[in-house]
C-alpha atoms as a PDB file:
ATOM      1  CA  MET A   1     150.129  83.917  -5.089  1.00  0.00           C
ATOM      2  CA  ARG A   2     153.380  84.421  -3.189  1.00  0.00           C
ATOM      3  CA  ARG A   3     153.149  85.487   0.466  1.00  0.00           C
ATOM      4  CA  ALA A   4     154.645  88.799   1.465  1.00  0.00           C
ATOM      5  CA  THR A   5     157.710  88.117   3.752  1.00  0.00           C
ATOM      6  CA  SER A   6     159.357  91.622   3.865  1.00  0.00           C
ATOM      7  CA  ALA A   7     158.655  95.197   3.439  1.00  0.00           C
ATOM      8  CA  ALA A   8     160.033  95.076  -0.061  1.00  0.00           C
ATOM      9  CA  ASP A   9     157.410  92.537  -1.161  1.00  0.00           C
ATOM     10  CA  VAL A  10     154.518  95.074  -0.337  1.00  0.00           C
ATOM     11  CA  PRO A  11     153.523  98.175  -2.430  1.00  0.00           C
ATOM     12  CA  LEU A  12     153.319 101.151  -0.057  1.00  0.00           C
ATOM     13  CA  ALA A  13     149.684 101.550   0.978  1.00  0.00           C
ATOM     14  CA  LYS A  14     148.148 105.004   1.242  1.00  0.00           C
ATOM     15  CA  GLY A  15     149.113 106.521   4.600  1.00  0.00           C
ATOM     16  CA  ILE A  16     151.866 103.925   5.464  1.00  0.00           C
ATOM     17  CA  ASP A  17     155.476 104.826   5.011  1.00  0.00           C
ATOM     18  CA  GLY A  18     158.308 102.433   4.414  1.00  0.00           C
ATOM     19  CA  ALA A  19     159.764 102.816   7.995  1.00  0.00           C
ATOM     20  CA  ARG A  20     156.536 101.767   9.692  1.00  0.00           C
ATOM     21  CA  LEU A  21     155.990  98.804   7.283  1.00  0.00           C
ATOM     22  CA  SER A  22     159.522  97.656   7.995  1.00  0.00           C
ATOM     23  CA  LEU A  23     158.964  97.945  11.691  1.00  0.00           C
ATOM     24  CA  TYR A  24     155.747  95.799  11.254  1.00  0.00           C
ATOM     25  CA  PHE A  25     157.670  92.992   9.361  1.00  0.00           C
ATOM     26  CA  ALA A  26     160.498  93.101  11.918  1.00  0.00           C
ATOM     27  CA  ARG A  27     158.024  92.542  14.772  1.00  0.00           C
ATOM     28  CA  ALA A  28     156.196  89.927  12.946  1.00  0.00           C
ATOM     29  CA  VAL A  29     159.339  87.996  12.137  1.00  0.00           C
ATOM     30  CA  ARG A  30     160.629  88.359  15.762  1.00  0.00           C
ATOM     31  CA  MET A  31     157.334  87.007  17.122  1.00  0.00           C
ATOM     32  CA  SER A  32     157.185  83.924  15.030  1.00  0.00           C
ATOM     33  CA  VAL A  33     158.434  80.985  17.000  1.00  0.00           C
ATOM     34  CA  SER A  34     160.813  78.412  15.797  1.00  0.00           C
ATOM     35  CA  GLN A  35     160.359  74.692  15.966  1.00  0.00           C
ATOM     36  CA  ASN A  36     162.732  74.585  19.037  1.00  0.00           C
ATOM     37  CA  PHE A  37     160.016  76.606  20.848  1.00  0.00           C
ATOM     38  CA  TYR A  38     157.825  73.618  21.038  1.00  0.00           C
ATOM     39  CA  GLU A  39     160.497  71.505  22.328  1.00  0.00           C
ATOM     40  CA  LEU A  40     161.172  74.105  25.096  1.00  0.00           C
ATOM     41  CA  VAL A  41     157.221  74.016  25.923  1.00  0.00           C
ATOM     42  CA  GLU A  42     157.472  70.198  26.204  1.00  0.00           C
ATOM     43  CA  THR A  43     160.540  70.266  28.623  1.00  0.00           C
ATOM     44  CA  THR A  44     159.036  73.206  30.632  1.00  0.00           C
ATOM     45  CA  CYS A  45     155.800  71.341  31.032  1.00  0.00           C
ATOM     46  CA  ARG A  46     157.728  68.359  32.364  1.00  0.00           C
ATOM     47  CA  ASP A  47     159.608  70.422  34.875  1.00  0.00           C
ATOM     48  CA  LEU A  48     156.230  72.282  35.870  1.00  0.00           C
ATOM     49  CA  TYR A  49     154.718  68.991  36.739  1.00  0.00           C
ATOM     50  CA  ILE A  50     157.722  67.669  38.840  1.00  0.00           C
ATOM     51  CA  GLN A  51     158.403  70.877  40.579  1.00  0.00           C
ATOM     52  CA  SER A  52     154.738  71.489  41.588  1.00  0.00           C
ATOM     53  CA  LEU A  53     154.769  68.170  43.525  1.00  0.00           C
ATOM     54  CA  LYS A  54     157.883  69.143  45.464  1.00  0.00           C
ATOM     55  CA  GLU A  55     157.597  72.861  46.231  1.00  0.00           C
ATOM     56  CA  ILE A  56     154.684  74.343  47.732  1.00  0.00           C
ATOM     57  CA  PRO A  57     153.965  78.013  46.546  1.00  0.00           C
ATOM     58  CA  PRO A  58     155.349  80.684  49.120  1.00  0.00           C
ATOM     59  CA  ASP A  59     151.953  82.278  49.741  1.00  0.00           C
ATOM     60  CA  VAL A  60     150.562  78.995  50.810  1.00  0.00           C
ATOM     61  CA  VAL A  61     153.504  78.237  53.061  1.00  0.00           C
ATOM     62  CA  GLU A  62     153.122  81.729  54.748  1.00  0.00           C
ATOM     63  CA  ALA A  63     149.401  81.094  55.248  1.00  0.00           C
ATOM     64  CA  ILE A  64     150.095  77.723  56.805  1.00  0.00           C
ATOM     65  CA  ARG A  65     152.633  79.383  59.087  1.00  0.00           C
ATOM     66  CA  GLN A  66     150.212  82.115  60.112  1.00  0.00           C
ATOM     67  CA  ALA A  67     147.425  79.550  60.673  1.00  0.00           C
ATOM     68  CA  ALA A  68     149.655  77.431  62.844  1.00  0.00           C
ATOM     69  CA  ALA A  69     150.688  80.518  65.119  1.00  0.00           C
ATOM     70  CA  ARG A  70     147.178  81.454  65.736  1.00  0.00           C
ATOM     71  CA  GLU A  71     145.716  77.953  66.252  1.00  0.00           C
ATOM     72  CA  SER A  72     144.306  77.397  69.669  1.00  0.00           C
ATOM     73  CA  LYS A  73     143.724  73.506  69.627  1.00  0.00           C
ATOM     74  CA  GLU A  74     146.339  71.207  70.447  1.00  0.00           C
ATOM     75  CA  VAL A  75     145.504  68.635  67.775  1.00  0.00           C
ATOM     76  CA  GLY A  76     145.435  71.501  65.138  1.00  0.00           C
ATOM     77  CA  ARG A  77     148.929  72.668  66.127  1.00  0.00           C
ATOM     78  CA  ARG A  78     150.278  69.043  65.771  1.00  0.00           C
ATOM     79  CA  ILE A  79     148.772  68.843  62.280  1.00  0.00           C
ATOM     80  CA  PHE A  80     150.149  72.074  61.120  1.00  0.00           C
ATOM     81  CA  SER A  81     153.611  71.074  62.446  1.00  0.00           C
ATOM     82  CA  HIS A  82     153.389  67.985  60.137  1.00  0.00           C
ATOM     83  CA  TYR A  83     152.268  69.921  57.286  1.00  0.00           C
ATOM     84  CA  LEU A  84     155.295  72.356  57.686  1.00  0.00           C
ATOM     85  CA  LYS A  85     157.723  69.396  58.126  1.00  0.00           C
ATOM     86  CA  SER A  86     156.400  67.913  54.818  1.00  0.00           C
ATOM     87  CA  ILE A  87     156.880  71.359  53.106  1.00  0.00           C
ATOM     88  CA  GLU A  88     160.397  71.455  54.383  1.00  0.00           C
ATOM     89  CA  LEU A  89     161.295  67.894  53.175  1.00  0.00           C
ATOM     90  CA  GLY A  90     159.845  68.509  49.699  1.00  0.00           C
ATOM     91  CA  ARG A  91     162.126  71.390  49.364  1.00  0.00           C
ATOM     92  CA  THR A  92     165.368  70.201  50.977  1.00  0.00           C
ATOM     93  CA  GLU A  93     165.100  66.506  50.181  1.00  0.00           C
ATOM     94  CA  ASN A  94     163.736  66.702  46.792  1.00  0.00           C
ATOM     95  CA  MET A  95     160.638  64.811  47.796  1.00  0.00           C
ATOM     96  CA  MET A  96     157.049  64.961  46.830  1.00  0.00           C
ATOM     97  CA  VAL A  97     154.902  66.504  49.536  1.00  0.00           C
ATOM     98  CA  CYS A  98     151.969  64.085  48.801  1.00  0.00           C
ATOM     99  CA  GLN A  99     151.813  60.944  46.977  1.00  0.00           C
ATOM    100  CA  ASP A 100     148.847  62.031  44.669  1.00  0.00           C
ATOM    101  CA  THR A 101     150.043  63.227  41.405  1.00  0.00           C
ATOM    102  CA  GLY A 102     146.633  64.510  40.482  1.00  0.00           C
ATOM    103  CA  ILE A 103     144.943  65.378  37.345  1.00  0.00           C
ATOM    104  CA  PRO A 104     147.319  67.482  35.249  1.00  0.00           C
ATOM    105  CA  ILE A 105     145.467  70.746  34.502  1.00  0.00           C
ATOM    106  CA  TYR A 106     147.107  73.701  32.426  1.00  0.00           C
ATOM    107  CA  TRP A 107     145.968  77.180  31.846  1.00  0.00           C
ATOM    108  CA  VAL A 108     147.782  78.540  28.911  1.00  0.00           C
ATOM    109  CA  GLU A 109     147.675  82.094  28.031  1.00  0.00           C
ATOM    110  CA  ILE A 110     148.939  82.928  24.499  1.00  0.00           C
ATOM    111  CA  GLY A 111     150.375  86.392  23.903  1.00  0.00           C
ATOM    112  CA  GLY A 112     148.780  88.283  21.053  1.00  0.00           C
ATOM    113  CA  ASN A 113     152.099  88.899  19.266  1.00  0.00           C
ATOM    114  CA  LEU A 114     153.007  85.222  19.160  1.00  0.00           C
ATOM    115  CA  ARG A 115     152.633  83.340  15.935  1.00  0.00           C
ATOM    116  CA  LEU A 116     152.504  79.702  16.642  1.00  0.00           C
ATOM    117  CA  ASP A 117     150.717  76.429  15.650  1.00  0.00           C
ATOM    118  CA  GLY A 118     148.041  75.453  18.287  1.00  0.00           C
ATOM    119  CA  ALA A 119     148.088  71.797  17.396  1.00  0.00           C
ATOM    120  CA  GLN A 120     151.877  71.571  17.970  1.00  0.00           C
ATOM    121  CA  LEU A 121     151.545  73.492  21.181  1.00  0.00           C
ATOM    122  CA  THR A 122     148.924  71.004  22.593  1.00  0.00           C
ATOM    123  CA  GLU A 123     151.110  68.067  21.433  1.00  0.00           C
ATOM    124  CA  ALA A 124     154.113  69.562  23.231  1.00  0.00           C
ATOM    125  CA  ILE A 125     152.103  70.020  26.531  1.00  0.00           C
ATOM    126  CA  VAL A 126     150.989  66.420  26.301  1.00  0.00           C
ATOM    127  CA  ARG A 127     154.439  65.015  25.715  1.00  0.00           C
ATOM    128  CA  GLY A 128     155.843  66.952  28.587  1.00  0.00           C
ATOM    129  CA  THR A 129     153.232  65.601  30.949  1.00  0.00           C
ATOM    130  CA  GLU A 130     154.118  62.162  29.735  1.00  0.00           C
ATOM    131  CA  ARG A 131     157.843  62.723  30.295  1.00  0.00           C
ATOM    132  CA  ALA A 132     157.257  63.976  33.873  1.00  0.00           C
ATOM    133  CA  THR A 133     155.682  60.772  34.673  1.00  0.00           C
ATOM    134  CA  LYS A 134     158.201  58.491  32.778  1.00  0.00           C
ATOM    135  CA  GLU A 135     161.430  60.235  33.626  1.00  0.00           C
ATOM    136  CA  HIS A 136     160.648  60.967  37.165  1.00  0.00           C
ATOM    137  CA  HIS A 137     158.700  57.844  37.691  1.00  0.00           C
ATOM    138  CA  LEU A 138     155.608  59.587  39.099  1.00  0.00           C
ATOM    139  CA  ARG A 139     152.538  57.591  39.845  1.00  0.00           C
ATOM    140  CA  SER A 140     150.141  57.873  36.959  1.00  0.00           C
ATOM    141  CA  SER A 141     146.891  58.624  38.364  1.00  0.00           C
ATOM    142  CA  ILE A 142     144.866  58.805  35.116  1.00  0.00           C
ATOM    143  CA  VAL A 143     142.622  55.889  33.978  1.00  0.00           C
ATOM    144  CA  ALA A 144     139.742  55.147  31.557  1.00  0.00           C
ATOM    145  CA  PRO A 145     136.400  55.855  33.344  1.00  0.00           C
ATOM    146  CA  LEU A 146     134.860  52.391  32.791  1.00  0.00           C
ATOM    147  CA  THR A 147     137.748  50.002  32.193  1.00  0.00           C
ATOM    148  CA  ARG A 148     140.071  51.802  34.553  1.00  0.00           C
ATOM    149  CA  GLN A 149     143.060  51.140  32.209  1.00  0.00           C
ATOM    150  CA  ASN A 150     146.109  53.129  33.133  1.00  0.00           C
ATOM    151  CA  ARG A 151     148.610  54.134  30.435  1.00  0.00           C
ATOM    152  CA  GLN A 152     151.290  54.893  33.099  1.00  0.00           C
ATOM    153  CA  THR A 153     151.775  58.224  31.428  1.00  0.00           C
ATOM    154  CA  SER A 154     149.371  60.608  33.401  1.00  0.00           C
ATOM    155  CA  THR A 155     147.501  61.215  30.096  1.00  0.00           C
ATOM    156  CA  GLY A 156     144.579  59.813  28.356  1.00  0.00           C
ATOM    157  CA  ASP A 157     141.605  60.846  26.352  1.00  0.00           C
ATOM    158  CA  LYS A 158     141.188  64.566  26.792  1.00  0.00           C
ATOM    159  CA  ILE A 159     143.701  64.623  29.580  1.00  0.00           C
ATOM    160  CA  PRO A 160     145.860  66.634  30.277  1.00  0.00           C
ATOM    161  CA  ILE A 161     143.101  69.319  30.578  1.00  0.00           C
ATOM    162  CA  ILE A 162     144.222  72.384  28.696  1.00  0.00           C
ATOM    163  CA  HIS A 163     142.413  75.789  28.950  1.00  0.00           C
ATOM    164  CA  TYR A 164     143.617  78.490  26.378  1.00  0.00           C
ATOM    165  CA  GLU A 165     143.267  82.123  26.962  1.00  0.00           C
ATOM    166  CA  PHE A 166     144.701  84.954  25.129  1.00  0.00           C
ATOM    167  CA  ARG A 167     146.377  88.345  26.170  1.00  0.00           C
ATOM    168  CA  ARG A 168     146.673  91.330  23.828  1.00  0.00           C
ATOM    169  CA  ASP A 169     150.053  92.944  23.118  1.00  0.00           C
ATOM    170  CA  SER A 170     152.100  90.165  24.840  1.00  0.00           C
ATOM    171  CA  ASN A 171     155.073  88.424  23.527  1.00  0.00           C
ATOM    172  CA  GLU A 172     154.953  85.364  25.963  1.00  0.00           C
ATOM    173  CA  LEU A 173     153.370  82.182  26.534  1.00  0.00           C
ATOM    174  CA  ASP A 174     152.169  81.958  30.097  1.00  0.00           C
ATOM    175  CA  ILE A 175     151.688  78.387  31.451  1.00  0.00           C
ATOM    176  CA  LEU A 176     150.038  77.862  34.849  1.00  0.00           C
ATOM    177  CA  PHE A 177     149.841  74.247  35.927  1.00  0.00           C
ATOM    178  CA  MET A 178     147.918  72.497  38.641  1.00  0.00           C
ATOM    179  CA  PRO A 179     148.034  68.924  39.654  1.00  0.00           C
ATOM    180  CA  LYS A 180     144.596  68.456  41.109  1.00  0.00           C
ATOM    181  CA  GLY A 181     144.418  65.745  43.731  1.00  0.00           C
ATOM    182  CA  SER A 182     141.404  63.613  44.062  1.00  0.00           C
ATOM    183  CA  GLY A 183     140.644  64.156  47.607  1.00  0.00           C
ATOM    184  CA  SER A 184     139.805  67.666  47.021  1.00  0.00           C
ATOM    185  CA  GLU A 185     138.547  67.144  43.346  1.00  0.00           C
ATOM    186  CA  ASN A 186     135.819  64.738  44.561  1.00  0.00           C
ATOM    187  CA  MET A 187     134.566  67.617  46.689  1.00  0.00           C
ATOM    188  CA  SER A 188     133.186  69.590  43.612  1.00  0.00           C
ATOM    189  CA  PHE A 189     129.672  70.768  43.540  1.00  0.00           C
ATOM    190  CA  MET A 190     127.433  72.829  41.254  1.00  0.00           C
ATOM    191  CA  LYS A 191     123.851  73.936  41.415  1.00  0.00           C
ATOM    192  CA  MET A 192     121.646  75.777  39.248  1.00  0.00           C
ATOM    193  CA  LEU A 193     120.245  78.531  41.470  1.00  0.00           C
ATOM    194  CA  VAL A 194     117.472  80.880  40.207  1.00  0.00           C
ATOM    195  CA  PRO A 195     117.627  84.601  40.713  1.00  0.00           C
ATOM    196  CA  ALA A 196     115.089  84.542  43.443  1.00  0.00           C
ATOM    197  CA  ASP A 197     117.619  82.523  45.490  1.00  0.00           C
ATOM    198  CA  GLY A 198     119.602  85.722  45.779  1.00  0.00           C
ATOM    199  CA  ILE A 199     122.946  86.161  47.603  1.00  0.00           C
ATOM    200  CA  GLY A 200     121.552  84.152  50.537  1.00  0.00           C
ATOM    201  CA  GLY A 201     121.110  81.209  48.308  1.00  0.00           C
ATOM    202  CA  ILE A 202     124.821  81.334  47.216  1.00  0.00           C
ATOM    203  CA  LYS A 203     126.074  81.582  50.944  1.00  0.00           C
ATOM    204  CA  ARG A 204     123.906  78.732  51.933  1.00  0.00           C
ATOM    205  CA  PHE A 205     124.954  76.470  49.065  1.00  0.00           C
ATOM    206  CA  VAL A 206     128.796  77.186  49.596  1.00  0.00           C
ATOM    207  CA  LEU A 207     128.539  76.667  53.368  1.00  0.00           C
ATOM    208  CA  GLU A 208     126.615  73.377  53.012  1.00  0.00           C
ATOM    209  CA  GLN A 209     129.061  71.895  50.756  1.00  0.00           C
ATOM    210  CA  VAL A 210     132.087  72.877  52.914  1.00  0.00           C
ATOM    211  CA  ILE A 211     130.463  71.379  56.063  1.00  0.00           C
ATOM    212  CA  GLY A 212     129.260  68.359  54.098  1.00  0.00           C
ATOM    213  CA  ALA A 213     132.821  67.833  52.769  1.00  0.00           C
ATOM    214  CA  GLY A 214     134.363  67.787  56.297  1.00  0.00           C
ATOM    215  CA  ALA A 215     137.757  66.188  56.388  1.00  0.00           C
ATOM    216  CA  LYS A 216     137.669  64.652  52.892  1.00  0.00           C
ATOM    217  CA  PRO A 217     139.504  67.419  51.016  1.00  0.00           C
ATOM    218  CA  CYS A 218     142.377  67.537  53.538  1.00  0.00           C
ATOM    219  CA  PRO A 219     141.544  70.936  55.216  1.00  0.00           C
ATOM    220  CA  PRO A 220     142.307  73.751  55.594  1.00  0.00           C
ATOM    221  CA  THR A 221     141.237  74.194  52.056  1.00  0.00           C
ATOM    222  CA  ILE A 222     141.035  76.989  49.441  1.00  0.00           C
ATOM    223  CA  VAL A 223     137.357  77.233  48.526  1.00  0.00           C
ATOM    224  CA  GLY A 224     136.886  78.183  44.960  1.00  0.00           C
ATOM    225  CA  VAL A 225     133.513  79.586  44.048  1.00  0.00           C
ATOM    226  CA  GLY A 226     132.143  80.271  40.615  1.00  0.00           C
ATOM    227  CA  ILE A 227     129.142  82.360  40.013  1.00  0.00           C
ATOM    228  CA  GLY A 228     127.231  82.744  36.832  1.00  0.00           C
ATOM    229  CA  GLY A 229     127.884  81.780  33.350  1.00  0.00           C
ATOM    230  CA  SER A 230     126.561  78.235  32.092  1.00  0.00           C
ATOM    231  CA  SER A 231     126.905  75.046  34.101  1.00  0.00           C
ATOM    232  CA  ASP A 232     130.297  74.270  32.489  1.00  0.00           C
ATOM    233  CA  LEU A 233     131.712  77.726  32.696  1.00  0.00           C
ATOM    234  CA  CYS A 234     130.672  78.145  36.386  1.00  0.00           C
ATOM    235  CA  MET A 235     132.516  74.991  37.447  1.00  0.00           C
ATOM    236  CA  THR A 236     135.501  76.034  35.399  1.00  0.00           C
ATOM    237  CA  LEU A 237     135.405  79.384  37.252  1.00  0.00           C
ATOM    238  CA  ALA A 238     135.475  77.659  40.482  1.00  0.00           C
ATOM    239  CA  LYS A 239     138.390  75.670  39.671  1.00  0.00           C
ATOM    240  CA  LYS A 240     140.319  78.609  38.347  1.00  0.00           C
ATOM    241  CA  ALA A 241     139.530  80.619  41.591  1.00  0.00           C
ATOM    242  CA  THR A 242     141.584  78.051  43.458  1.00  0.00           C
ATOM    243  CA  THR A 243     144.792  78.964  41.630  1.00  0.00           C
ATOM    244  CA  ARG A 244     144.727  82.665  42.717  1.00  0.00           C
ATOM    245  CA  PRO A 245     147.456  83.456  45.163  1.00  0.00           C
ATOM    246  CA  LEU A 246     146.389  83.694  48.721  1.00  0.00           C
ATOM    247  CA  GLY A 247     145.770  87.137  49.897  1.00  0.00           C
ATOM    248  CA  SER A 248     144.342  88.222  46.547  1.00  0.00           C
ATOM    249  CA  LYS A 249     140.990  89.777  46.366  1.00  0.00           C
ATOM    250  CA  ASN A 250     138.326  89.772  43.676  1.00  0.00           C
ATOM    251  CA  PRO A 251     138.496  93.279  42.035  1.00  0.00           C
ATOM    252  CA  ASP A 252     134.787  93.658  42.463  1.00  0.00           C
ATOM    253  CA  ALA A 253     134.205  95.169  45.796  1.00  0.00           C
ATOM    254  CA  GLU A 254     130.861  93.194  46.464  1.00  0.00           C
ATOM    255  CA  LEU A 255     132.368  90.007  45.520  1.00  0.00           C
ATOM    256  CA  ALA A 256     135.480  90.605  47.621  1.00  0.00           C
ATOM    257  CA  ALA A 257     133.257  91.274  50.670  1.00  0.00           C
ATOM    258  CA  LEU A 258     131.361  88.133  49.920  1.00  0.00           C
ATOM    259  CA  GLU A 259     134.793  86.252  49.891  1.00  0.00           C
ATOM    260  CA  ASP A 260     135.526  87.652  53.466  1.00  0.00           C
ATOM    261  CA  GLU A 261     132.150  86.952  54.807  1.00  0.00           C
ATOM    262  CA  LEU A 262     132.211  83.268  53.661  1.00  0.00           C
ATOM    263  CA  LEU A 263     135.672  82.766  55.011  1.00  0.00           C
ATOM    264  CA  THR A 264     134.681  83.985  58.361  1.00  0.00           C
ATOM    265  CA  ALA A 265     131.610  81.564  58.433  1.00  0.00           C
ATOM    266  CA  ILE A 266     133.593  78.826  57.318  1.00  0.00           C
ATOM    267  CA  ASN A 267     136.264  79.166  59.792  1.00  0.00           C
ATOM    268  CA  LYS A 268     133.597  79.299  62.554  1.00  0.00           C
ATOM    269  CA  THR A 269     132.656  75.682  61.648  1.00  0.00           C
ATOM    270  CA  GLY A 270     135.472  74.293  63.693  1.00  0.00           C
ATOM    271  CA  ILE A 271     136.171  71.642  61.188  1.00  0.00           C
ATOM    272  CA  GLY A 272     139.850  72.506  61.490  1.00  0.00           C
ATOM    273  CA  PRO A 273     142.970  70.750  60.027  1.00  0.00           C
ATOM    274  CA  GLN A 274     142.200  67.270  58.658  1.00  0.00           C
ATOM    275  CA  GLY A 275     138.669  67.572  60.175  1.00  0.00           C
ATOM    276  CA  LEU A 276     139.954  67.058  63.721  1.00  0.00           C
ATOM    277  CA  GLY A 277     138.926  70.374  64.983  1.00  0.00           C
ATOM    278  CA  GLY A 278     140.545  73.822  65.042  1.00  0.00           C
ATOM    279  CA  ASP A 279     140.298  77.404  64.163  1.00  0.00           C
ATOM    280  CA  THR A 280     141.258  77.240  60.498  1.00  0.00           C
ATOM    281  CA  THR A 281     139.124  75.231  58.119  1.00  0.00           C
ATOM    282  CA  ALA A 282     139.794  77.240  55.016  1.00  0.00           C
ATOM    283  CA  LEU A 283     142.909  79.448  54.176  1.00  0.00           C
ATOM    284  CA  ALA A 284     140.846  81.511  51.711  1.00  0.00           C
ATOM    285  CA  VAL A 285     137.644  81.853  49.771  1.00  0.00           C
ATOM    286  CA  HIS A 286     138.187  82.903  46.132  1.00  0.00           C
ATOM    287  CA  ILE A 287     135.245  83.825  43.972  1.00  0.00           C
ATOM    288  CA  GLU A 288     135.164  84.237  40.165  1.00  0.00           C
ATOM    289  CA  SER A 289     132.138  85.204  38.280  1.00  0.00           C
ATOM    290  CA  ALA A 290     130.701  85.670  34.761  1.00  0.00           C
ATOM    291  CA  TRP A 291     127.492  87.124  33.543  1.00  0.00           C
ATOM    292  CA  THR A 292     124.623  84.619  32.947  1.00  0.00           C
ATOM    293  CA  HIS A 293     121.140  84.112  31.532  1.00  0.00           C
ATOM    294  CA  ILE A 294     118.265  86.246  33.060  1.00  0.00           C
ATOM    295  CA  THR A 295     116.426  83.181  34.502  1.00  0.00           C
ATOM    296  CA  CYS A 296     119.441  81.534  36.085  1.00  0.00           C
ATOM    297  CA  ASN A 297     122.304  81.990  38.484  1.00  0.00           C
ATOM    298  CA  PRO A 298     124.526  78.881  38.794  1.00  0.00           C
ATOM    299  CA  VAL A 299     126.951  78.551  41.562  1.00  0.00           C
ATOM    300  CA  ALA A 300     129.824  76.007  41.997  1.00  0.00           C
ATOM    301  CA  VAL A 301     132.338  75.126  44.562  1.00  0.00           C
ATOM    302  CA  ASN A 302     135.526  73.476  43.938  1.00  0.00           C
ATOM    303  CA  LEU A 303     137.890  72.722  46.993  1.00  0.00           C
ATOM    304  CA  GLN A 304     141.649  72.629  46.932  1.00  0.00           C
ATOM    305  CA  CYS A 305     143.635  70.862  49.629  1.00  0.00           C
ATOM    306  CA  TRP A 306     146.074  72.633  52.052  1.00  0.00           C
ATOM    307  CA  ARG A 307     148.965  72.256  49.706  1.00  0.00           C
ATOM    308  CA  ALA A 308     147.433  74.127  46.699  1.00  0.00           C
ATOM    309  CA  GLU A 309     150.048  72.934  44.331  1.00  0.00           C
ATOM    310  CA  ARG A 310     150.641  75.178  41.335  1.00  0.00           C
ATOM    311  CA  ARG A 311     153.604  76.169  39.165  1.00  0.00           C
ATOM    312  CA  ARG A 312     153.875  78.790  36.487  1.00  0.00           C
ATOM    313  CA  ALA A 313     156.387  79.460  33.579  1.00  0.00           C
ATOM    314  CA  LYS A 314     156.533  82.308  31.230  1.00  0.00           C
ATOM    315  CA  ILE A 315     158.259  81.490  27.913  1.00  0.00           C
ATOM    316  CA  SER A 316     159.306  84.384  25.416  1.00  0.00           C
ATOM    317  CA  ALA A 317     159.281  84.026  21.689  1.00  0.00           C
ATOM    318  CA  GLU A 318     163.138  84.083  21.915  1.00  0.00           C
ATOM    319  CA  GLY A 319     163.101  81.035  24.092  1.00  0.00           C
ATOM    320  CA  GLN A 320     163.691  82.476  27.538  1.00  0.00           C
ATOM    321  CA  VAL A 321     162.015  80.820  30.351  1.00  0.00           C
ATOM    322  CA  ALA A 322     161.088  82.331  33.830  1.00  0.00           C
ATOM    323  CA  PHE A 323     159.728  79.937  36.502  1.00  0.00           C
ATOM    324  CA  GLY A 324     157.292  81.101  39.285  1.00  0.00           C
ATOM    325  CA  PHE A 325     154.018  80.376  41.033  1.00  0.00           C
END
C-alpha cells in the first residue's frame, strides 16, 4: 500500500476539513529532518566536547568568584586565585582548563515534532566524539575495563554514554554534554536505604560520603544527590543533578530545603578548596528524585569537581544551532 505523503492522498475524514489536513502535512514535512541533519549533529557533538574543556560555564565562574571573595583562609584564597587564572587562560588562550578529558556523557532531548532515525542519531554522536579526539588531539581517557585497551578515540563499548529523553511539542534536538572527570567520578556512592531510615538516613549518608571523599574530587564540588527510583535510576538522577545550573533549586519545596540544609552542613566541615581547609567545600547541593518501591528508598551521591564542565546545543529541524550551557 502506498504511503500518504500529502493532503491530496488522504480522503477527508469525518470532522477534518482540507485546510486542517493540509496544515498537518505541512508540519509533518517541515519537521522531518534531512540527511544533513545527522552530519550537523556529528559536527555539533565534536564542538561540544572541545568547547566544554576550555570554557567553564558562567554560573560556575561566578560561584567561584563569590567563594573566593568570602574565603577567610589564606590557603583557600590562593587556590581560588589559581582556579580563576586557569579559567581565564582557557578562555583567552584556547587552552584546556584541566588535562582530564573525562568520560563523554550526553543527555539528548528529542522534540516530539521531530521525525528522525534514532540509530543514525546515535552513530552521529559517536562520530562527533571521535572527531573531537582525533581533530583536536585530545587525550583519550577511555579504555577496556580488563585489558585497558585504548582506541585513542574517547569511545568504546557503550561509550559515549547517551541518555535519551523527549519533550512534547518541541521542534528541537537539545544536546547537553558533560566530560566527567575521573577524580570526581571515582567519588560515586549508592546505598539502598529502607523507609525506616527516613530523611535522617539520607542526610547521614550524603555527609559521610562528602567527608570521606575529602580532597579526592577536587573541591569545592557540586554534590549531586539522587533519591528514590531503582538503584540504576537513583545513580543516574545523582549524575544529572550535577548538570543543573548553580543557583537553581529543586521545584519541590521540601527537597529544596534539604539542598540548603545539606550545603550548609557540608561547608561547615572545613574541607575547603583542594581539601586544604577553607570555608567552601561545596558550591551547591542539587537533589533529583523519583518515586520508588514501598519497601526501599535508595540514595546516591555523585560529586562533580569545581570546574563543572558542561556544554549545550539546540538544533532546529531546519539546521540552526544555538550553543549555550
